[in-house]
C-alpha atoms as a PDB file:
ATOM      1  CA  UNK A   1     -55.614  39.249   0.616  1.00  0.00           C
ATOM      2  CA  UNK A   2     -53.149  39.654   3.470  1.00  0.00           C
ATOM      3  CA  UNK A   3     -55.271  37.481   5.717  1.00  0.00           C
ATOM      4  CA  UNK A   4     -55.384  34.754   3.092  1.00  0.00           C
ATOM      5  CA  UNK A   5     -51.575  34.651   2.987  1.00  0.00           C
ATOM      6  CA  UNK A   6     -51.208  34.226   6.730  1.00  0.00           C
ATOM      7  CA  UNK A   7     -53.568  31.234   6.652  1.00  0.00           C
ATOM      8  CA  UNK A   8     -52.048  29.639   3.560  1.00  0.00           C
ATOM      9  CA  UNK A   9     -48.405  29.596   4.740  1.00  0.00           C
ATOM     10  CA  UNK A  10     -48.987  27.212   7.657  1.00  0.00           C
ATOM     11  CA  UNK A  11     -51.001  24.947   5.356  1.00  0.00           C
ATOM     12  CA  UNK A  12     -48.246  24.956   2.701  1.00  0.00           C
ATOM     13  CA  UNK A  13     -45.598  24.273   5.321  1.00  0.00           C
ATOM     14  CA  UNK A  14     -47.681  21.368   6.658  1.00  0.00           C
ATOM     15  CA  UNK A  15     -48.116  19.922   3.164  1.00  0.00           C
ATOM     16  CA  UNK A  16     -44.389  20.289   2.448  1.00  0.00           C
ATOM     17  CA  UNK A  17     -43.492  18.588   5.741  1.00  0.00           C
ATOM     18  CA  UNK A  18     -45.940  15.748   5.099  1.00  0.00           C
ATOM     19  CA  UNK A  19     -44.612  15.285   1.558  1.00  0.00           C
ATOM     20  CA  UNK A  20     -41.018  15.132   2.754  1.00  0.00           C
ATOM     21  CA  UNK A  21     -41.955  12.648   5.471  1.00  0.00           C
ATOM     22  CA  UNK A  22     -43.720  10.383   2.960  1.00  0.00           C
ATOM     23  CA  UNK A  23     -40.818  10.580   0.507  1.00  0.00           C
ATOM     24  CA  UNK A  24     -38.269   9.831   3.225  1.00  0.00           C
ATOM     25  CA  UNK A  25     -40.203   6.743   4.272  1.00  0.00           C
ATOM     26  CA  UNK A  26     -39.554   5.290   0.824  1.00  0.00           C
ATOM     27  CA  UNK A  27     -35.794   5.672   1.192  1.00  0.00           C
ATOM     28  CA  UNK A  28     -33.984   2.566   2.283  1.00  0.00           C
ATOM     29  CA  UNK A  29     -30.409   1.743   2.944  1.00  0.00           C
ATOM     30  CA  UNK A  30     -29.469  -1.236   0.864  1.00  0.00           C
ATOM     31  CA  UNK A  31     -27.298  -3.657   2.735  1.00  0.00           C
ATOM     32  CA  UNK A  32     -24.763  -5.666   0.845  1.00  0.00           C
ATOM     33  CA  UNK A  33     -24.978  -9.307   1.704  1.00  0.00           C
ATOM     34  CA  UNK A  34     -21.689 -10.851   2.671  1.00  0.00           C
ATOM     35  CA  UNK A  35     -20.465 -13.381   0.176  1.00  0.00           C
ATOM     36  CA  UNK A  36     -19.560 -16.567   2.012  1.00  0.00           C
ATOM     37  CA  UNK A  37     -15.850 -17.251   1.963  1.00  0.00           C
ATOM     38  CA  UNK A  38     -14.999 -20.455   0.126  1.00  0.00           C
ATOM     39  CA  UNK A  39     -11.859 -21.962   1.558  1.00  0.00           C
ATOM     40  CA  UNK A  40     -11.158 -25.075  -0.459  1.00  0.00           C
ATOM     41  CA  UNK A  41      -7.698 -25.820   0.895  1.00  0.00           C
ATOM     42  CA  UNK A  42      -5.972 -25.872   4.278  1.00  0.00           C
ATOM     43  CA  UNK A  43      -3.731 -22.824   3.838  1.00  0.00           C
ATOM     44  CA  UNK A  44      -0.648 -22.670   6.046  1.00  0.00           C
ATOM     45  CA  UNK A  45       2.278 -20.306   6.421  1.00  0.00           C
ATOM     46  CA  UNK A  46       5.288 -22.627   6.444  1.00  0.00           C
ATOM     47  CA  UNK A  47       4.228 -25.953   4.934  1.00  0.00           C
ATOM     48  CA  UNK A  48       5.745 -27.449   1.796  1.00  0.00           C
ATOM     49  CA  UNK A  49       2.482 -27.899  -0.069  1.00  0.00           C
ATOM     50  CA  UNK A  50       1.261 -25.558  -2.779  1.00  0.00           C
ATOM     51  CA  UNK A  51      -1.171 -23.728  -0.476  1.00  0.00           C
ATOM     52  CA  UNK A  52       1.347 -21.584   1.364  1.00  0.00           C
ATOM     53  CA  UNK A  53       0.830 -18.060   2.594  1.00  0.00           C
ATOM     54  CA  UNK A  54       4.506 -17.297   3.109  1.00  0.00           C
ATOM     55  CA  UNK A  55       5.297 -16.568  -0.584  1.00  0.00           C
ATOM     56  CA  UNK A  56       2.597 -13.864  -0.604  1.00  0.00           C
ATOM     57  CA  UNK A  57       4.129 -12.238   2.480  1.00  0.00           C
ATOM     58  CA  UNK A  58       7.647 -12.529   1.022  1.00  0.00           C
ATOM     59  CA  UNK A  59       6.610 -10.828  -2.211  1.00  0.00           C
ATOM     60  CA  UNK A  60       4.376  -8.111  -0.769  1.00  0.00           C
ATOM     61  CA  UNK A  61       5.393  -7.524   2.861  1.00  0.00           C
ATOM     62  CA  UNK A  62       8.751  -8.787   4.065  1.00  0.00           C
ATOM     63  CA  UNK A  63      11.146  -7.066   1.691  1.00  0.00           C
ATOM     64  CA  UNK A  64      13.902  -4.546   2.447  1.00  0.00           C
ATOM     65  CA  UNK A  65      12.586  -1.363   4.013  1.00  0.00           C
ATOM     66  CA  UNK A  66       9.312  -2.813   5.213  1.00  0.00           C
ATOM     67  CA  UNK A  67       8.472  -5.920   7.280  1.00  0.00           C
ATOM     68  CA  UNK A  68      11.935  -7.395   6.863  1.00  0.00           C
ATOM     69  CA  UNK A  69      13.911  -9.365   9.470  1.00  0.00           C
ATOM     70  CA  UNK A  70      14.053  -7.504  12.816  1.00  0.00           C
ATOM     71  CA  UNK A  71      12.015  -4.556  11.480  1.00  0.00           C
ATOM     72  CA  UNK A  72      10.715  -2.290  14.238  1.00  0.00           C
ATOM     73  CA  UNK A  73       7.291  -2.132  12.541  1.00  0.00           C
ATOM     74  CA  UNK A  74       7.046  -5.920  12.573  1.00  0.00           C
ATOM     75  CA  UNK A  75       9.070  -8.779  11.193  1.00  0.00           C
ATOM     76  CA  UNK A  76       6.930 -10.805   8.780  1.00  0.00           C
ATOM     77  CA  UNK A  77       9.743 -13.105   7.622  1.00  0.00           C
ATOM     78  CA  UNK A  78       8.943 -15.833  10.147  1.00  0.00           C
ATOM     79  CA  UNK A  79       5.738 -17.214  11.539  1.00  0.00           C
ATOM     80  CA  UNK A  80       6.742 -16.681  15.176  1.00  0.00           C
ATOM     81  CA  UNK A  81       7.338 -12.937  14.611  1.00  0.00           C
ATOM     82  CA  UNK A  82       4.178 -12.566  12.507  1.00  0.00           C
ATOM     83  CA  UNK A  83       1.947 -14.408  14.993  1.00  0.00           C
ATOM     84  CA  UNK A  84       1.302 -11.413  17.329  1.00  0.00           C
ATOM     85  CA  UNK A  85      -0.065  -9.440  14.367  1.00  0.00           C
ATOM     86  CA  UNK A  86      -2.381 -12.330  13.495  1.00  0.00           C
ATOM     87  CA  UNK A  87      -3.622 -12.627  17.071  1.00  0.00           C
ATOM     88  CA  UNK A  88      -4.300  -8.915  17.608  1.00  0.00           C
ATOM     89  CA  UNK A  89      -6.204  -8.656  14.312  1.00  0.00           C
ATOM     90  CA  UNK A  90      -3.872  -6.160  12.633  1.00  0.00           C
ATOM     91  CA  UNK A  91      -3.209  -8.363   9.625  1.00  0.00           C
ATOM     92  CA  UNK A  92      -6.947  -8.877   9.067  1.00  0.00           C
ATOM     93  CA  UNK A  93      -7.772  -5.185   9.513  1.00  0.00           C
ATOM     94  CA  UNK A  94      -5.012  -3.822   7.316  1.00  0.00           C
ATOM     95  CA  UNK A  95      -4.961  -6.474   4.569  1.00  0.00           C
ATOM     96  CA  UNK A  96      -8.562  -7.700   4.356  1.00  0.00           C
ATOM     97  CA  UNK A  97     -10.808  -4.927   5.747  1.00  0.00           C
ATOM     98  CA  UNK A  98      -8.913  -1.738   4.872  1.00  0.00           C
ATOM     99  CA  UNK A  99      -6.992  -3.160   1.917  1.00  0.00           C
ATOM    100  CA  UNK A 100      -4.242  -0.607   2.593  1.00  0.00           C
ATOM    101  CA  UNK A 101      -1.413  -3.124   2.630  1.00  0.00           C
ATOM    102  CA  UNK A 102       0.806  -3.195   0.736  1.00  0.00           C
ATOM    103  CA  UNK A 103       1.011   0.595   0.782  1.00  0.00           C
ATOM    104  CA  UNK A 104       1.170   2.716  -2.391  1.00  0.00           C
ATOM    105  CA  UNK A 105       4.846   3.528  -1.753  1.00  0.00           C
ATOM    106  CA  UNK A 106       5.830  -0.162  -1.609  1.00  0.00           C
ATOM    107  CA  UNK A 107       8.800  -1.135  -3.741  1.00  0.00           C
ATOM    108  CA  UNK A 108       7.092  -4.396  -4.658  1.00  0.00           C
ATOM    109  CA  UNK A 109       3.495  -4.954  -5.738  1.00  0.00           C
ATOM    110  CA  UNK A 110       1.177  -2.115  -4.668  1.00  0.00           C
ATOM    111  CA  UNK A 111      -1.929  -4.310  -4.344  1.00  0.00           C
ATOM    112  CA  UNK A 112      -2.819  -7.910  -3.674  1.00  0.00           C
ATOM    113  CA  UNK A 113      -4.691  -9.937  -6.253  1.00  0.00           C
ATOM    114  CA  UNK A 114      -8.160 -11.236  -5.469  1.00  0.00           C
ATOM    115  CA  UNK A 115      -6.693 -14.731  -5.170  1.00  0.00           C
ATOM    116  CA  UNK A 116      -3.978 -13.577  -2.746  1.00  0.00           C
ATOM    117  CA  UNK A 117      -6.567 -11.777  -0.626  1.00  0.00           C
ATOM    118  CA  UNK A 118      -8.709 -14.909  -0.514  1.00  0.00           C
ATOM    119  CA  UNK A 119      -5.744 -17.087   0.455  1.00  0.00           C
ATOM    120  CA  UNK A 120      -4.843 -14.741   3.318  1.00  0.00           C
ATOM    121  CA  UNK A 121      -8.463 -14.431   4.428  1.00  0.00           C
ATOM    122  CA  UNK A 122      -8.939 -18.215   4.433  1.00  0.00           C
ATOM    123  CA  UNK A 123      -5.699 -18.657   6.334  1.00  0.00           C
ATOM    124  CA  UNK A 124      -6.750 -16.074   8.925  1.00  0.00           C
ATOM    125  CA  UNK A 125     -10.252 -17.592   9.166  1.00  0.00           C
ATOM    126  CA  UNK A 126      -8.576 -20.881  10.106  1.00  0.00           C
ATOM    127  CA  UNK A 127      -6.696 -19.070  12.885  1.00  0.00           C
ATOM    128  CA  UNK A 128      -3.526 -18.334  10.887  1.00  0.00           C
ATOM    129  CA  UNK A 129      -1.887 -21.734  11.350  1.00  0.00           C
ATOM    130  CA  UNK A 130       1.893 -22.160  10.939  1.00  0.00           C
END
Protein backbone atom coordinates (compact mmCIF):
# COMPACT_ATOMS: atom_id res chain seq x y z
CA UNK A 1 0.00 0.00 0.00
CA UNK A 2 2.83 2.38 0.84
CA UNK A 3 4.42 1.81 -2.54
CA UNK A 4 1.16 2.58 -4.29
CA UNK A 5 0.99 5.97 -2.54
CA UNK A 6 4.47 7.00 -3.61
CA UNK A 7 3.61 6.27 -7.25
CA UNK A 8 0.18 7.91 -7.15
CA UNK A 9 1.27 11.30 -5.74
CA UNK A 10 3.43 12.27 -8.72
CA UNK A 11 0.62 11.21 -11.06
CA UNK A 12 -1.96 13.26 -9.12
CA UNK A 13 0.35 16.27 -9.06
CA UNK A 14 0.87 15.93 -12.83
CA UNK A 15 -2.88 15.73 -13.44
CA UNK A 16 -3.51 18.74 -11.19
CA UNK A 17 -0.81 20.76 -12.98
CA UNK A 18 -2.18 19.81 -16.40
CA UNK A 19 -5.72 20.70 -15.33
CA UNK A 20 -4.65 24.10 -14.04
CA UNK A 21 -2.70 24.77 -17.23
CA UNK A 22 -5.72 23.90 -19.40
CA UNK A 23 -8.05 26.03 -17.27
CA UNK A 24 -5.67 28.99 -17.34
CA UNK A 25 -5.48 28.83 -21.12
CA UNK A 26 -9.20 29.59 -21.24
CA UNK A 27 -8.78 32.78 -19.22
CA UNK A 28 -8.59 35.93 -21.25
CA UNK A 29 -8.22 39.54 -20.41
CA UNK A 30 -11.04 41.44 -22.00
CA UNK A 31 -9.92 44.70 -23.46
CA UNK A 32 -12.31 47.59 -23.52
CA UNK A 33 -12.47 49.17 -26.91
CA UNK A 34 -11.99 52.90 -26.89
CA UNK A 35 -15.09 54.78 -27.87
CA UNK A 36 -14.20 57.28 -30.57
CA UNK A 37 -14.47 60.85 -29.38
CA UNK A 38 -17.12 62.80 -31.26
CA UNK A 39 -16.18 66.45 -31.39
CA UNK A 40 -18.98 68.20 -33.22
CA UNK A 41 -17.91 71.77 -32.53
CA UNK A 42 -14.69 73.78 -32.55
CA UNK A 43 -14.30 74.31 -28.80
CA UNK A 44 -12.17 77.25 -27.72
CA UNK A 45 -11.19 78.81 -24.42
CA UNK A 46 -11.83 82.51 -24.97
CA UNK A 47 -14.18 82.88 -27.93
CA UNK A 48 -17.62 84.47 -27.75
CA UNK A 49 -19.50 81.54 -29.24
CA UNK A 50 -21.46 79.03 -27.19
CA UNK A 51 -18.72 76.38 -27.34
CA UNK A 52 -16.40 77.87 -24.76
CA UNK A 53 -14.25 75.99 -22.30
CA UNK A 54 -13.58 78.95 -20.03
CA UNK A 55 -16.94 78.80 -18.17
CA UNK A 56 -16.20 75.20 -17.15
CA UNK A 57 -12.80 76.23 -15.77
CA UNK A 58 -14.32 79.26 -14.01
CA UNK A 59 -16.96 77.13 -12.29
CA UNK A 60 -14.81 74.13 -11.39
CA UNK A 61 -11.17 75.25 -11.26
CA UNK A 62 -10.39 78.95 -11.02
CA UNK A 63 -12.23 79.95 -7.87
CA UNK A 64 -10.84 81.33 -4.60
CA UNK A 65 -8.45 78.95 -2.89
CA UNK A 66 -7.66 76.89 -5.96
CA UNK A 67 -6.51 77.84 -9.48
CA UNK A 68 -7.35 81.50 -8.99
CA UNK A 69 -5.39 84.50 -10.34
CA UNK A 70 -1.67 84.24 -9.48
CA UNK A 71 -2.13 80.92 -7.63
CA UNK A 72 1.15 79.12 -6.97
CA UNK A 73 -0.40 75.80 -8.06
CA UNK A 74 -1.40 77.31 -11.40
CA UNK A 75 -3.53 80.21 -12.54
CA UNK A 76 -6.38 78.91 -14.71
CA UNK A 77 -8.15 82.27 -15.05
CA UNK A 78 -6.45 83.15 -18.34
CA UNK A 79 -5.46 81.15 -21.36
CA UNK A 80 -1.82 82.29 -21.29
CA UNK A 81 -1.35 81.04 -17.69
CA UNK A 82 -3.25 77.80 -18.38
CA UNK A 83 -1.33 77.01 -21.59
CA UNK A 84 1.73 75.41 -19.90
CA UNK A 85 -0.56 72.90 -18.18
CA UNK A 86 -2.17 72.06 -21.53
CA UNK A 87 1.20 71.59 -23.21
CA UNK A 88 2.74 69.38 -20.51
CA UNK A 89 -0.34 67.13 -20.42
CA UNK A 90 -1.30 67.82 -16.80
CA UNK A 91 -4.80 68.99 -17.64
CA UNK A 92 -5.44 65.86 -19.72
CA UNK A 93 -4.00 63.52 -17.09
CA UNK A 94 -5.77 65.03 -14.10
CA UNK A 95 -9.14 65.90 -15.68
CA UNK A 96 -9.64 63.26 -18.38
CA UNK A 97 -7.53 60.21 -17.42
CA UNK A 98 -7.52 60.31 -13.61
CA UNK A 99 -10.77 62.24 -13.21
CA UNK A 100 -9.45 63.59 -9.90
CA UNK A 101 -10.13 67.23 -10.70
CA UNK A 102 -11.99 68.96 -9.27
CA UNK A 103 -10.91 67.42 -5.96
CA UNK A 104 -13.39 66.16 -3.34
CA UNK A 105 -12.59 69.12 -1.06
CA UNK A 106 -13.47 71.68 -3.76
CA UNK A 107 -15.81 74.44 -2.67
CA UNK A 108 -17.57 74.30 -6.03
CA UNK A 109 -18.72 71.23 -7.96
CA UNK A 110 -16.90 68.05 -6.90
CA UNK A 111 -17.15 66.36 -10.31
CA UNK A 112 -17.48 67.30 -13.95
CA UNK A 113 -20.49 66.22 -15.95
CA UNK A 114 -20.06 63.87 -18.88
CA UNK A 115 -20.74 66.79 -21.22
CA UNK A 116 -18.12 68.98 -19.52
CA UNK A 117 -15.56 66.18 -19.72
CA UNK A 118 -16.29 65.73 -23.42
CA UNK A 119 -15.98 69.46 -24.09
CA UNK A 120 -12.59 69.58 -22.35
CA UNK A 121 -11.40 66.41 -24.06
CA UNK A 122 -12.43 67.71 -27.50
CA UNK A 123 -10.75 71.02 -26.78
CA UNK A 124 -7.54 69.28 -25.70
CA UNK A 125 -7.69 66.92 -28.71
CA UNK A 126 -7.70 70.02 -30.92
CA UNK A 127 -4.55 71.23 -29.15
CA UNK A 128 -6.30 73.42 -26.55
CA UNK A 129 -6.80 76.47 -28.77
CA UNK A 130 -7.34 79.93 -27.24
